[in-house]
Amino acid sequence: MTMTIKVYEVNRDGGIRVVREEAEVAPLERPAATDRFPACQCPKCTEPRP
């Protein structure tokens, strides 16, 4: 399976500029642990469950 990606930059006035043209990329099977978001630390997620 392949995916396509195209990178845009939008300025505060709404102007759009292409940073990278469309290219095919292969998705990762499993991202490295350093590429993941950290666990949520909000009170709702960190309080013990009954």
C-alpha atoms as a PDB file:
ATOM      1  CA  MET A   1       0.000   0.000   0.000  1.00  0.00           C
ATOM      2  CA  THR A   2       1.259   3.515  -0.740  1.00  0.00           C
ATOM      3  CA  MET A   3       0.042   6.938   0.254  1.00  0.00           C
ATOM      4  CA  THR A   4       0.542  10.328  -1.324  1.00  0.00           C
ATOM      5  CA  ILE A   5       1.508  13.480   0.505  1.00  0.00           C
ATOM      6  CA  LYS A   6       1.710  17.123  -0.547  1.00  0.00           C
ATOM      7  CA  VAL A   7       2.912  19.795   1.869  1.00  0.00           C
ATOM      8  CA  TYR A   8       1.397  23.285   1.885  1.00  0.00           C
ATOM      9  CA  GLU A   9       2.157  26.432   3.839  1.00  0.00           C
ATOM     10  CA  VAL A  10      -0.647  28.877   4.606  1.00  0.00           C
ATOM     11  CA  ASN A  11       0.126  32.406   5.785  1.00  0.00           C
ATOM     12  CA  ARG A  12      -2.085  34.482   8.055  1.00  0.00           C
ATOM     13  CA  ASP A  13      -3.642  36.248   5.057  1.00  0.00           C
ATOM     14  CA  GLY A  14      -4.809  32.921   3.592  1.00  0.00           C
ATOM     15  CA  GLY A  15      -2.105  32.731   0.923  1.00  0.00           C
ATOM     16  CA  ILE A  16      -1.139  29.161   0.046  1.00  0.00           C
ATOM     17  CA  ARG A  17       2.296  28.010  -1.073  1.00  0.00           C
ATOM     18  CA  VAL A  18       3.342  24.461  -1.995  1.00  0.00           C
ATOM     19  CA  VAL A  19       6.371  23.460   0.078  1.00  0.00           C
ATOM     20  CA  ARG A  20       6.706  19.959  -1.401  1.00  0.00           C
ATOM     21  CA  GLU A  21       5.020  18.620  -4.498  1.00  0.00           C
ATOM     22  CA  GLU A  22       2.917  15.465  -4.285  1.00  0.00           C
ATOM     23  CA  ALA A  23       5.017  12.363  -3.681  1.00  0.00           C
ATOM     24  CA  GLU A  24       4.329   8.710  -2.938  1.00  0.00           C
ATOM     25  CA  VAL A  25       5.354   7.487   0.498  1.00  0.00           C
ATOM     26  CA  ALA A  26       5.237   4.073   2.122  1.00  0.00           C
ATOM     27  CA  PRO A  27       3.447   4.038   5.492  1.00  0.00           C
ATOM     28  CA  LEU A  28       5.324   2.648   8.494  1.00  0.00           C
ATOM     29  CA  GLU A  29       4.213  -0.721   9.819  1.00  0.00           C
ATOM     30  CA  ARG A  30       4.826   0.451  13.387  1.00  0.00           C
ATOM     31  CA  PRO A  31       6.228   3.887  14.255  1.00  0.00           C
ATOM     32  CA  ALA A  32       9.162   4.108  16.649  1.00  0.00           C
ATOM     33  CA  ALA A  33       8.173   4.853  20.237  1.00  0.00           C
ATOM     34  CA  THR A  34       9.765   8.307  19.966  1.00  0.00           C
ATOM     35  CA  ASP A  35       7.266   9.213  17.205  1.00  0.00           C
ATOM     36  CA  ARG A  36       4.201   8.627  19.380  1.00  0.00           C
ATOM     37  CA  PHE A  37       2.324  11.219  21.412  1.00  0.00           C
ATOM     38  CA  PRO A  38       2.904  10.967  25.170  1.00  0.00           C
ATOM     39  CA  ALA A  39       0.159   9.508  27.338  1.00  0.00           C
ATOM     40  CA  CYS A  40      -2.497  11.966  28.458  1.00  0.00           C
ATOM     41  CA  GLN A  41      -1.801  13.445  31.902  1.00  0.00           C
ATOM     42  CA  CYS A  42      -5.179  15.096  32.563  1.00  0.00           C
ATOM     43  CA  PRO A  43      -6.951  14.280  35.866  1.00  0.00           C
ATOM     44  CA  LYS A  44      -9.693  12.301  34.109  1.00  0.00           C
ATOM     45  CA  CYS A  45      -7.172   9.964  32.463  1.00  0.00           C
ATOM     46  CA  THR A  46      -4.811   9.619  35.443  1.00  0.00           C
ATOM     47  CA  GLU A  47      -7.335   8.981  38.256  1.00  0.00           C
ATOM     48  CA  PRO A  48      -7.668   5.341  39.313  1.00  0.00           C
ATOM     49  CA  ARG A  49     -10.620   3.455  37.898  1.00  0.00           C
ATOM     50  CA  PRO A  50     -13.129   1.837  40.274  1.00  0.00           C
END
